[in-house]
Amino acid sequence: MPKRVPLTELVAGKPATIVEIQAGQGLIRRLEALGVRIGQKVEKVSGPFIRGPVTVRVGNIRAAIGFGAASKVIVEIEEQES
């Protein structure tokens, strides 16, 4: 069963799909300019130690997103069957 978490809680190196962006139109447009949009596959490259920027890979693009903005990006990860 898929699990939904904010991008800030995604484990580095684990792929996920963006399913929701809980933000206003201004932030949504800025994220879309970086390639971060609903339906895109995303992989967290590195995360914050203390509320710092989150680096993600979307396709061939790497982007750094501020902690606040990244916490508004909801991703869905597939749970591995054991």
C-alpha atoms as a PDB file:
ATOM      1  CA  MET A   1       0.000   0.000   0.000  1.00  0.00           C
ATOM      2  CA  PRO A   2       1.419   3.419  -0.907  1.00  0.00           C
ATOM      3  CA  LYS A   3       2.461   5.760   1.871  1.00  0.00           C
ATOM      4  CA  ARG A   4       2.204   9.559   1.649  1.00  0.00           C
ATOM      5  CA  VAL A   5       4.773  11.768   3.380  1.00  0.00           C
ATOM      6  CA  PRO A   6       6.119  15.300   2.988  1.00  0.00           C
ATOM      7  CA  LEU A   7       9.248  15.533   0.856  1.00  0.00           C
ATOM      8  CA  THR A   8      11.212  16.487   3.985  1.00  0.00           C
ATOM      9  CA  GLU A   9      10.507  13.025   5.470  1.00  0.00           C
ATOM     10  CA  LEU A  10      11.464  11.031   2.384  1.00  0.00           C
ATOM     11  CA  VAL A  11      14.546   8.863   2.884  1.00  0.00           C
ATOM     12  CA  ALA A  12      17.493   9.955   0.728  1.00  0.00           C
ATOM     13  CA  GLY A  13      17.934   7.738  -2.332  1.00  0.00           C
ATOM     14  CA  LYS A  14      14.358   6.445  -2.287  1.00  0.00           C
ATOM     15  CA  PRO A  15      12.230   7.295  -5.339  1.00  0.00           C
ATOM     16  CA  ALA A  16       8.700   8.632  -4.941  1.00  0.00           C
ATOM     17  CA  THR A  17       5.931  10.273  -6.950  1.00  0.00           C
ATOM     18  CA  ILE A  18       4.677  13.785  -6.238  1.00  0.00           C
ATOM     19  CA  VAL A  19       0.939  13.573  -5.536  1.00  0.00           C
ATOM     20  CA  GLU A  20       0.095  16.946  -3.998  1.00  0.00           C
ATOM     21  CA  ILE A  21       1.521  20.403  -3.412  1.00  0.00           C
ATOM     22  CA  GLN A  22      -0.149  22.113  -0.455  1.00  0.00           C
ATOM     23  CA  ALA A  23       0.744  25.687  -1.361  1.00  0.00           C
ATOM     24  CA  GLY A  24      -0.484  28.816  -3.078  1.00  0.00           C
ATOM     25  CA  GLN A  25      -0.188  29.447  -6.805  1.00  0.00           C
ATOM     26  CA  GLY A  26       3.039  31.465  -6.444  1.00  0.00           C
ATOM     27  CA  LEU A  27       4.976  28.637  -4.806  1.00  0.00           C
ATOM     28  CA  ILE A  28       3.421  26.055  -7.116  1.00  0.00           C
ATOM     29  CA  ARG A  29       4.652  28.042 -10.144  1.00  0.00           C
ATOM     30  CA  ARG A  30       8.166  28.371  -8.686  1.00  0.00           C
ATOM     31  CA  LEU A  31       8.329  24.630  -8.007  1.00  0.00           C
ATOM     32  CA  GLU A  32       7.003  23.813 -11.490  1.00  0.00           C
ATOM     33  CA  ALA A  33       9.779  25.965 -12.970  1.00  0.00           C
ATOM     34  CA  LEU A  34      12.220  23.590 -11.224  1.00  0.00           C
ATOM     35  CA  GLY A  35      10.395  20.550 -12.656  1.00  0.00           C
ATOM     36  CA  VAL A  36       8.695  19.732  -9.349  1.00  0.00           C
ATOM     37  CA  ARG A  37       5.092  19.068 -10.340  1.00  0.00           C
ATOM     38  CA  ILE A  38       2.330  16.587  -9.584  1.00  0.00           C
ATOM     39  CA  GLY A  39       2.882  13.207 -11.236  1.00  0.00           C
ATOM     40  CA  GLN A  40       6.679  13.586 -11.502  1.00  0.00           C
ATOM     41  CA  LYS A  41       9.051  10.982 -10.102  1.00  0.00           C
ATOM     42  CA  VAL A  42      11.413  12.521  -7.565  1.00  0.00           C
ATOM     43  CA  GLU A  43      14.384  11.263  -5.573  1.00  0.00           C
ATOM     44  CA  LYS A  44      15.737  12.986  -2.494  1.00  0.00           C
ATOM     45  CA  VAL A  45      19.492  13.427  -2.861  1.00  0.00           C
ATOM     46  CA  SER A  46      20.195  15.043   0.491  1.00  0.00           C
ATOM     47  CA  GLY A  47      18.180  16.455   3.309  1.00  0.00           C
ATOM     48  CA  PRO A  48      18.478  19.046   6.003  1.00  0.00           C
ATOM     49  CA  PHE A  49      20.392  18.519   9.185  1.00  0.00           C
ATOM     50  CA  ILE A  50      18.514  21.325  10.901  1.00  0.00           C
ATOM     51  CA  ARG A  51      15.708  22.725   8.725  1.00  0.00           C
ATOM     52  CA  GLY A  52      18.003  23.459   5.787  1.00  0.00           C
ATOM     53  CA  PRO A  53      17.310  23.047   2.067  1.00  0.00           C
ATOM     54  CA  VAL A  54      16.371  19.681   0.578  1.00  0.00           C
ATOM     55  CA  THR A  55      18.149  18.636  -2.632  1.00  0.00           C
ATOM     56  CA  VAL A  56      16.101  16.529  -5.035  1.00  0.00           C
ATOM     57  CA  ARG A  57      16.570  14.968  -8.451  1.00  0.00           C
ATOM     58  CA  VAL A  58      13.694  15.257 -10.911  1.00  0.00           C
ATOM     59  CA  GLY A  59      14.641  13.584 -14.175  1.00  0.00           C
ATOM     60  CA  ASN A  60      18.120  14.910 -15.020  1.00  0.00           C
ATOM     61  CA  ILE A  61      17.691  18.057 -12.939  1.00  0.00           C
ATOM     62  CA  ARG A  62      18.920  18.603  -9.382  1.00  0.00           C
ATOM     63  CA  ALA A  63      17.231  21.337  -7.387  1.00  0.00           C
ATOM     64  CA  ALA A  64      17.555  22.670  -3.860  1.00  0.00           C
ATOM     65  CA  ILE A  65      14.223  23.486  -2.242  1.00  0.00           C
ATOM     66  CA  GLY A  66      13.861  25.355   1.026  1.00  0.00           C
ATOM     67  CA  PHE A  67      12.653  23.337   4.019  1.00  0.00           C
ATOM     68  CA  GLY A  68       9.308  25.154   4.225  1.00  0.00           C
ATOM     69  CA  ALA A  69       8.526  24.653   0.546  1.00  0.00           C
ATOM     70  CA  ALA A  70       9.692  21.015   0.624  1.00  0.00           C
ATOM     71  CA  SER A  71       7.404  20.296   3.572  1.00  0.00           C
ATOM     72  CA  LYS A  72       4.431  21.310   1.385  1.00  0.00           C
ATOM     73  CA  VAL A  73       5.304  18.805  -1.343  1.00  0.00           C
ATOM     74  CA  ILE A  74       3.540  15.502  -0.601  1.00  0.00           C
ATOM     75  CA  VAL A  75       5.019  12.379  -2.164  1.00  0.00           C
ATOM     76  CA  GLU A  76       3.821   8.807  -2.368  1.00  0.00           C
ATOM     77  CA  ILE A  77       6.214   5.942  -1.808  1.00  0.00           C
ATOM     78  CA  GLU A  78       5.528   2.286  -2.445  1.00  0.00           C
ATOM     79  CA  GLU A  79       6.009   0.114   0.596  1.00  0.00           C
ATOM     80  CA  GLN A  80       8.111  -2.949  -0.134  1.00  0.00           C
ATOM     81  CA  GLU A  81       6.382  -6.287   0.404  1.00  0.00           C
ATOM     82  CA  SER A  82       8.336  -8.586   2.707  1.00  0.00           C
END
